Amino acid sequence: MEEAAAEYLNRFGNNAERNLWTGSFQENSFILEKKYYEENIIKKLSLDFLDTKHVEELSQLGDMLKVFRKKCHMINSANEKIDIYSPIDFLKKIIEEGKKSISIQRFKGLGEMNPEELWETTLNPENNTLLKVNYSGNDVENETTNPSDRDREIFKILMGEDVVPRKDFINKNAINVNNLDI
């Protein structure tokens, strides 16, 4: 496995940097080393965190990496030969190939959709899921509360018919968004 990992790393970089990595097991650690100009670079991975199941999986990974020592390729749907350099590269190429046959569209509202799209994405009972959402307030020791005035105000801003307060709310709070699907 150590040779496979070092060989994989040596594929990258310019010609002067190739074949610099070596791998070894020492003192219950996996060590990757290379000398780059006057600097010794050492990457150490302790094996203490691995249990027997993970060690077995790691040895299987070594066997899989050996497959990629030789030049690999796959044939895509257009019958083109694509070079593959690693398991990760293989997964990326498969995902790229899969994305060629799908189309992702986003709509701000249902009124922007063509009737066929509205039926297929929203109205067709075979494709949609209706989820009823109830406000239960703050759960404190199994007690539920009624919506506060602030809760009602935010709901009205976000779901109401008046666009200006919604735009103001979005502009004011957009900087705080952590998970945005665009």
Foldseek 3Di string as FASTA:
>chain_A
DQVLVLLLVQVDDDPVSHPFWGWDDDPQWIWIWGCDPNDIDIDIGHNVVPDPVVVVVVVVQSVVSVVLSDWDWDQAPVRDTGTARGPVSVVVVVVVRVVVPDDDDDDPDLVVDDPVCCCQDPVPPVHDDDDDDDQQDDQDVNHGDDDDPVNVVVCCLCPNPDPVSVVVVCVVCVVVDDDDDD
